[in-house]
Amino acid sequence: MDRFFSQILRDSPDAVLIADRHGLIRFWNSGAERMFGYSTAEAQGCSLDLIIPPNLRSRHGQGYSRVMETGETNYLTSLLASPGVHKDGSRLSLEFSIVLLRDEQGAMAGCAAILRDVTERWRKEKELKQRLAACESKS
């Protein structure tokens, strides 16, 4: 069974990553490589800032530190949405879920995230909303 779990994590088309309590990337799967453009070798050991837009890094860092200190978050049962950034600098629209990771004593050890790129869907929804607004303004 462990072999299957490893295969799912490694080969999932969704990005799966694990960061330690300091926000350093410790696991980066092939889905993350495709989504963000960084190889596993490039990403492992780097800060999560690697995929967070510059204008959101400070806020994310503060929130991440707070969760690692308290072990509490309101985001465990909901699908989250946030922008991300690709290696080439382009922006991504992401949906993701998180799992808090604890060591054998129950202390915070880090966080795992499963991310999906929804950029194309977001663009289409934005375009439809703009068309609808244009139609409503004509009436």
Protein backbone atom coordinates (compact mmCIF):
# COMPACT_ATOMS: atom_id res chain seq x y z
CA MET A 1 0.00 0.00 0.00
CA ASP A 2 2.86 2.41 0.75
CA ARG A 3 4.04 1.98 -2.83
CA PHE A 4 0.63 3.14 -4.10
CA PHE A 5 0.58 6.15 -1.78
CA SER A 6 4.04 7.13 -2.95
CA GLN A 7 3.01 6.74 -6.58
CA ILE A 8 -0.13 8.87 -6.07
CA LEU A 9 1.87 11.65 -4.40
CA ARG A 10 4.69 11.57 -6.92
CA ASP A 11 2.61 11.29 -10.11
CA SER A 12 -0.58 13.23 -9.32
CA PRO A 13 -1.46 15.77 -12.02
CA ASP A 14 -2.28 18.19 -9.19
CA ALA A 15 0.61 19.86 -7.44
CA VAL A 16 1.39 18.25 -4.10
CA LEU A 17 3.90 19.93 -1.87
CA ILE A 18 5.02 19.75 1.72
CA ALA A 19 6.63 22.61 3.60
CA ASP A 20 8.30 22.34 6.99
CA ARG A 21 7.41 24.55 9.94
CA HIS A 22 9.74 27.26 8.60
CA GLY A 23 7.97 27.36 5.22
CA LEU A 24 10.74 25.56 3.33
CA ILE A 25 9.65 23.16 0.62
CA ARG A 26 10.49 19.55 1.52
CA PHE A 27 8.38 17.65 -1.06
CA TRP A 28 7.54 18.74 -4.62
CA ASN A 29 5.84 16.35 -7.03
CA SER A 30 5.73 16.17 -10.83
CA GLY A 31 2.40 18.05 -10.86
CA ALA A 32 4.11 20.95 -9.05
CA GLU A 33 6.94 20.83 -11.58
CA ARG A 34 4.48 21.18 -14.47
CA MET A 35 2.31 23.79 -12.74
CA PHE A 36 5.02 26.11 -11.47
CA GLY A 37 7.91 25.38 -13.86
CA TYR A 38 10.51 24.52 -11.21
CA SER A 39 12.12 21.10 -11.07
CA THR A 40 12.08 19.22 -7.77
CA ALA A 41 15.79 19.96 -7.37
CA GLU A 42 15.16 23.70 -7.84
CA ALA A 43 12.20 23.85 -5.43
CA GLN A 44 13.24 21.63 -2.54
CA GLY A 45 14.78 23.64 0.27
CA CYS A 46 13.37 26.93 -1.04
CA SER A 47 10.85 29.11 0.72
CA LEU A 48 7.18 28.91 -0.28
CA ASP A 49 7.78 32.47 -1.51
CA LEU A 50 8.94 30.73 -4.69
CA ILE A 51 5.28 30.36 -5.78
CA ILE A 52 3.66 33.24 -3.90
CA PRO A 53 3.23 36.59 -5.69
CA PRO A 54 5.56 39.23 -4.19
CA ASN A 55 2.69 41.43 -2.97
CA LEU A 56 1.29 38.54 -0.87
CA ARG A 57 4.50 37.12 0.61
CA SER A 58 4.52 39.14 3.82
CA ARG A 59 0.89 38.38 4.64
CA HIS A 60 1.34 34.70 3.81
CA GLY A 61 4.49 34.49 5.93
CA GLN A 62 2.74 36.04 8.92
CA GLY A 63 -0.22 33.70 8.60
CA TYR A 64 1.96 30.64 8.10
CA SER A 65 4.04 31.50 11.19
CA ARG A 66 0.89 31.99 13.25
CA VAL A 67 -0.47 28.59 12.19
CA MET A 68 2.85 26.90 12.98
CA GLU A 69 2.90 28.54 16.43
CA THR A 70 -0.71 27.81 17.35
CA GLY A 71 -1.54 24.70 15.33
CA GLU A 72 -4.84 26.32 14.44
CA THR A 73 -6.37 27.49 11.17
CA ASN A 74 -9.87 28.06 9.84
CA TYR A 75 -8.92 26.67 6.44
CA LEU A 76 -8.85 22.91 6.97
CA THR A 77 -12.35 22.14 5.74
CA SER A 78 -12.67 24.47 2.80
CA LEU A 79 -11.23 24.76 -0.66
CA LEU A 80 -9.00 27.82 -0.77
CA ALA A 81 -8.40 30.12 -3.73
CA SER A 82 -5.31 32.25 -4.20
CA PRO A 83 -3.03 33.55 -6.92
CA GLY A 84 0.30 31.89 -7.48
CA VAL A 85 3.30 32.66 -9.64
CA HIS A 86 5.05 30.51 -12.26
CA LYS A 87 8.82 30.41 -12.72
CA ASP A 88 8.43 32.63 -15.80
CA GLY A 89 6.65 35.27 -13.68
CA SER A 90 3.17 34.64 -15.05
CA ARG A 91 0.29 34.58 -12.58
CA LEU A 92 -1.79 31.49 -11.87
CA SER A 93 -5.21 31.17 -10.29
CA LEU A 94 -5.07 28.32 -7.80
CA GLU A 95 -7.53 26.29 -5.76
CA PHE A 96 -6.09 24.16 -3.00
CA SER A 97 -6.60 22.33 0.24
CA ILE A 98 -4.17 22.05 3.12
CA VAL A 99 -3.31 19.50 5.78
CA LEU A 100 -1.45 20.45 8.95
CA LEU A 101 1.39 18.06 9.74
CA ARG A 102 2.37 17.18 13.29
CA ASP A 103 5.31 15.24 14.67
CA GLU A 104 5.07 12.24 17.04
CA GLN A 105 4.62 14.55 20.05
CA GLY A 106 1.83 16.52 18.35
CA ALA A 107 3.94 19.62 17.68
CA MET A 108 3.53 21.40 14.36
CA ALA A 109 5.94 20.01 11.76
CA GLY A 110 4.65 21.78 8.66
CA CYS A 111 1.90 21.79 6.10
CA ALA A 112 0.95 19.85 2.98
CA ALA A 113 -1.01 21.36 0.12
CA ILE A 114 -2.74 19.93 -2.92
CA LEU A 115 -3.09 22.62 -5.59
CA ARG A 116 -4.92 22.82 -8.90
CA ASP A 117 -4.41 25.43 -11.62
CA VAL A 118 -7.82 26.96 -12.42
CA THR A 119 -6.45 29.91 -14.42
CA GLU A 120 -8.29 29.05 -17.63
CA ARG A 121 -11.61 28.52 -15.84
CA TRP A 122 -11.17 31.81 -13.97
CA ARG A 123 -10.49 33.66 -17.25
CA LYS A 124 -13.60 32.19 -18.86
CA GLU A 125 -15.76 33.10 -15.86
CA LYS A 126 -14.38 36.65 -15.89
CA GLU A 127 -15.12 36.96 -19.61
CA LEU A 128 -18.68 35.69 -19.12
CA LYS A 129 -19.27 38.16 -16.28
CA GLN A 130 -18.01 41.00 -18.47
CA ARG A 131 -20.31 39.94 -21.31
CA LEU A 132 -23.27 39.71 -18.94
CA ALA A 133 -22.52 43.18 -17.54
CA ALA A 134 -22.29 44.58 -21.06
CA CYS A 135 -25.64 43.00 -21.99
CA GLU A 136 -27.28 44.33 -18.81
CA SER A 137 -25.99 47.84 -19.44
CA LYS A 138 -27.55 47.78 -22.92
CA SER A 139 -31.01 46.99 -21.54
